[in-house]
Amino acid sequence: MLIAFDSTQQALRAEMLLEYAEVEIDICPTPKEITAGCALSIHFPEEDLTKVKEVIEQERVEIRGIFKPVQIGYEQLEI
């Protein structure tokens, strides 16, 4: 799974919050298939989706969206 952001500040804030919540994450470049205002995205395991959504909502992190890899590109999930 992948979180895309509109700002680098929000990406770095989410990184800190998710690491604190003990979610296994990786910072990566935003894939070209996803239009976002920030070049950084966060990869995380699908089994942590519920925890990730809780952190984003509780901490009011501004995101472009949460995306799931599909055969060709990415599909945006409803939040």
N, C-alpha and C. Protein backbone atom coordinates (compact mmCIF):
# COMPACT_ATOMS: atom_id res chain seq x y z
N MET A 1 0.85 -1.18 0.00
CA MET A 1 0.00 0.00 0.00
C MET A 1 0.89 1.23 0.00
N LEU A 2 0.33 2.35 -0.44
CA LEU A 2 1.12 3.56 -0.58
C LEU A 2 0.28 4.78 -0.20
N ILE A 3 0.90 5.71 0.52
CA ILE A 3 0.26 6.99 0.84
C ILE A 3 0.98 8.07 0.04
N ALA A 4 0.21 8.88 -0.69
CA ALA A 4 0.77 10.02 -1.42
C ALA A 4 0.36 11.31 -0.71
N PHE A 5 1.19 12.33 -0.86
CA PHE A 5 1.00 13.58 -0.13
C PHE A 5 1.04 14.78 -1.07
N ASP A 6 0.49 15.90 -0.60
CA ASP A 6 0.58 17.15 -1.35
C ASP A 6 1.76 18.00 -0.88
N SER A 7 2.31 17.67 0.29
CA SER A 7 3.44 18.46 0.79
C SER A 7 4.47 17.55 1.47
N THR A 8 5.73 17.93 1.33
CA THR A 8 6.81 17.19 1.96
C THR A 8 6.67 17.24 3.48
N GLN A 9 6.22 18.38 4.00
CA GLN A 9 6.05 18.52 5.45
C GLN A 9 5.09 17.46 5.99
N GLN A 10 3.97 17.23 5.30
CA GLN A 10 3.01 16.22 5.75
C GLN A 10 3.57 14.81 5.61
N ALA A 11 4.37 14.58 4.56
CA ALA A 11 4.98 13.25 4.38
C ALA A 11 5.94 12.94 5.53
N LEU A 12 6.75 13.91 5.91
CA LEU A 12 7.70 13.70 7.00
C LEU A 12 6.98 13.58 8.34
N ARG A 13 5.90 14.31 8.51
CA ARG A 13 5.10 14.21 9.74
C ARG A 13 4.47 12.82 9.83
N ALA A 14 3.91 12.34 8.72
CA ALA A 14 3.30 11.01 8.70
C ALA A 14 4.35 9.94 8.98
N GLU A 15 5.55 10.11 8.42
CA GLU A 15 6.63 9.15 8.66
C GLU A 15 6.89 9.03 10.16
N MET A 16 7.03 10.16 10.83
CA MET A 16 7.31 10.17 12.27
C MET A 16 6.17 9.51 13.05
N LEU A 17 4.93 9.88 12.74
CA LEU A 17 3.77 9.35 13.46
C LEU A 17 3.60 7.85 13.25
N LEU A 18 3.80 7.38 12.03
CA LEU A 18 3.63 5.95 11.74
C LEU A 18 4.75 5.13 12.36
N GLU A 19 5.96 5.66 12.36
CA GLU A 19 7.05 4.95 13.03
C GLU A 19 6.77 4.86 14.53
N TYR A 20 6.24 5.93 15.11
CA TYR A 20 5.88 5.93 16.53
C TYR A 20 4.80 4.89 16.81
N ALA A 21 3.88 4.70 15.85
CA ALA A 21 2.80 3.71 15.98
C ALA A 21 3.27 2.30 15.63
N GLU A 22 4.57 2.17 15.36
CA GLU A 22 5.22 0.89 15.05
C GLU A 22 4.66 0.22 13.79
N VAL A 23 4.38 1.06 12.78
CA VAL A 23 4.00 0.55 11.46
C VAL A 23 5.29 0.44 10.64
N GLU A 24 5.48 -0.68 9.98
CA GLU A 24 6.66 -0.89 9.14
C GLU A 24 6.47 -0.09 7.84
N ILE A 25 7.28 0.97 7.66
CA ILE A 25 7.12 1.84 6.50
C ILE A 25 8.42 2.01 5.75
N ASP A 26 8.30 2.43 4.50
CA ASP A 26 9.45 2.82 3.67
C ASP A 26 9.08 4.11 2.96
N ILE A 27 10.01 5.08 2.98
CA ILE A 27 9.84 6.30 2.20
C ILE A 27 10.33 5.99 0.79
N CYS A 28 9.58 6.43 -0.21
CA CYS A 28 9.95 6.16 -1.60
C CYS A 28 9.50 7.32 -2.47
N PRO A 29 10.04 7.40 -3.69
CA PRO A 29 9.54 8.42 -4.62
C PRO A 29 8.08 8.13 -5.00
N THR A 30 7.30 9.17 -5.20
CA THR A 30 5.91 8.99 -5.63
C THR A 30 5.91 8.45 -7.06
N PRO A 31 5.22 7.34 -7.30
CA PRO A 31 5.17 6.78 -8.66
C PRO A 31 4.57 7.77 -9.65
N LYS A 32 5.04 7.74 -10.88
CA LYS A 32 4.57 8.70 -11.88
C LYS A 32 3.08 8.52 -12.20
N GLU A 33 2.53 7.33 -11.92
CA GLU A 33 1.10 7.09 -12.18
C GLU A 33 0.20 7.86 -11.22
N ILE A 34 0.78 8.33 -10.11
CA ILE A 34 0.00 9.06 -9.10
C ILE A 34 0.37 10.53 -9.18
N THR A 35 -0.62 11.37 -9.42
CA THR A 35 -0.37 12.81 -9.46
C THR A 35 -0.45 13.34 -8.04
N ALA A 36 0.64 13.88 -7.55
CA ALA A 36 0.67 14.43 -6.20
C ALA A 36 1.61 15.63 -6.18
N GLY A 37 1.42 16.49 -5.20
CA GLY A 37 2.23 17.69 -5.11
C GLY A 37 3.57 17.45 -4.43
N CYS A 38 3.81 16.24 -3.97
CA CYS A 38 5.03 15.92 -3.23
C CYS A 38 5.71 14.73 -3.88
N ALA A 39 7.02 14.76 -3.91
CA ALA A 39 7.79 13.68 -4.54
C ALA A 39 7.98 12.48 -3.62
N LEU A 40 7.57 12.60 -2.35
CA LEU A 40 7.73 11.50 -1.39
C LEU A 40 6.42 10.79 -1.13
N SER A 41 6.50 9.48 -1.04
CA SER A 41 5.35 8.66 -0.64
C SER A 41 5.81 7.69 0.43
N ILE A 42 4.86 7.05 1.08
CA ILE A 42 5.18 6.06 2.11
C ILE A 42 4.53 4.73 1.73
N HIS A 43 5.35 3.69 1.68
CA HIS A 43 4.86 2.32 1.47
C HIS A 43 4.62 1.70 2.84
N PHE A 44 3.55 0.90 2.96
CA PHE A 44 3.30 0.17 4.20
C PHE A 44 2.57 -1.12 3.86
N PRO A 45 2.65 -2.13 4.75
CA PRO A 45 1.98 -3.41 4.50
C PRO A 45 0.46 -3.27 4.56
N GLU A 46 -0.24 -4.01 3.70
CA GLU A 46 -1.70 -3.93 3.65
C GLU A 46 -2.35 -4.29 4.98
N GLU A 47 -1.73 -5.19 5.73
CA GLU A 47 -2.34 -5.58 7.01
C GLU A 47 -2.34 -4.45 8.04
N ASP A 48 -1.57 -3.38 7.79
CA ASP A 48 -1.55 -2.23 8.70
C ASP A 48 -2.49 -1.10 8.26
N LEU A 49 -3.33 -1.36 7.26
CA LEU A 49 -4.20 -0.31 6.71
C LEU A 49 -5.08 0.33 7.77
N THR A 50 -5.71 -0.45 8.63
CA THR A 50 -6.59 0.09 9.67
C THR A 50 -5.82 1.00 10.61
N LYS A 51 -4.65 0.56 11.05
CA LYS A 51 -3.83 1.37 11.97
C LYS A 51 -3.38 2.67 11.29
N VAL A 52 -2.99 2.57 10.01
CA VAL A 52 -2.55 3.75 9.26
C VAL A 52 -3.69 4.77 9.14
N LYS A 53 -4.89 4.30 8.80
CA LYS A 53 -6.04 5.20 8.70
C LYS A 53 -6.33 5.88 10.04
N GLU A 54 -6.24 5.12 11.13
CA GLU A 54 -6.49 5.70 12.46
C GLU A 54 -5.50 6.82 12.77
N VAL A 55 -4.21 6.58 12.49
CA VAL A 55 -3.18 7.60 12.77
C VAL A 55 -3.44 8.84 11.92
N ILE A 56 -3.73 8.66 10.63
CA ILE A 56 -3.96 9.79 9.73
C ILE A 56 -5.17 10.61 10.19
N GLU A 57 -6.25 9.93 10.58
CA GLU A 57 -7.45 10.64 11.02
C GLU A 57 -7.25 11.32 12.37
N GLN A 58 -6.68 10.60 13.34
CA GLN A 58 -6.50 11.17 14.68
C GLN A 58 -5.55 12.37 14.67
N GLU A 59 -4.50 12.28 13.87
CA GLU A 59 -3.48 13.34 13.85
C GLU A 59 -3.74 14.38 12.77
N ARG A 60 -4.83 14.19 12.01
CA ARG A 60 -5.21 15.12 10.94
C ARG A 60 -4.07 15.36 9.95
N VAL A 61 -3.45 14.27 9.51
CA VAL A 61 -2.40 14.37 8.49
C VAL A 61 -3.08 14.60 7.14
N GLU A 62 -2.60 15.58 6.39
CA GLU A 62 -3.17 15.88 5.08
C GLU A 62 -2.49 15.00 4.03
N ILE A 63 -3.30 14.17 3.37
CA ILE A 63 -2.75 13.27 2.36
C ILE A 63 -3.47 13.46 1.03
N ARG A 64 -2.82 13.05 -0.05
CA ARG A 64 -3.46 13.03 -1.36
C ARG A 64 -4.38 11.82 -1.45
N GLY A 65 -3.94 10.70 -0.88
CA GLY A 65 -4.75 9.50 -0.86
C GLY A 65 -3.94 8.27 -0.50
N ILE A 66 -4.66 7.18 -0.29
CA ILE A 66 -4.04 5.88 -0.05
C ILE A 66 -4.30 5.05 -1.30
N PHE A 67 -3.25 4.44 -1.81
CA PHE A 67 -3.33 3.72 -3.07
C PHE A 67 -2.90 2.26 -2.90
N LYS A 68 -3.55 1.41 -3.68
CA LYS A 68 -3.23 -0.02 -3.69
C LYS A 68 -2.68 -0.36 -5.08
N PRO A 69 -1.55 -1.06 -5.12
CA PRO A 69 -1.03 -1.46 -6.43
C PRO A 69 -2.00 -2.44 -7.11
N VAL A 70 -2.23 -2.23 -8.40
CA VAL A 70 -3.04 -3.15 -9.20
C VAL A 70 -2.18 -3.56 -10.39
N GLN A 71 -2.72 -4.40 -11.27
CA GLN A 71 -1.92 -4.90 -12.40
C GLN A 71 -1.21 -3.79 -13.15
N ILE A 72 -1.96 -2.75 -13.49
CA ILE A 72 -1.36 -1.63 -14.21
C ILE A 72 -1.55 -0.37 -13.38
N GLY A 73 -0.53 0.03 -12.65
CA GLY A 73 -0.59 1.26 -11.87
C GLY A 73 -1.13 1.08 -10.47
N TYR A 74 -1.93 2.07 -10.04
CA TYR A 74 -2.46 2.11 -8.68
C TYR A 74 -3.93 2.47 -8.68
N GLU A 75 -4.64 1.97 -7.66
CA GLU A 75 -6.06 2.28 -7.49
C GLU A 75 -6.22 2.99 -6.16
N GLN A 76 -6.89 4.15 -6.18
CA GLN A 76 -7.08 4.91 -4.94
C GLN A 76 -8.19 4.29 -4.11
N LEU A 77 -7.94 4.17 -2.80
CA LEU A 77 -8.93 3.62 -1.88
C LEU A 77 -9.78 4.75 -1.30
N GLU A 78 -11.01 4.40 -0.92
CA GLU A 78 -11.85 5.34 -0.20
C GLU A 78 -11.34 5.42 1.23
N ILE A 79 -11.29 6.61 1.77
CA ILE A 79 -10.79 6.76 3.15
C ILE A 79 -11.95 6.94 4.09
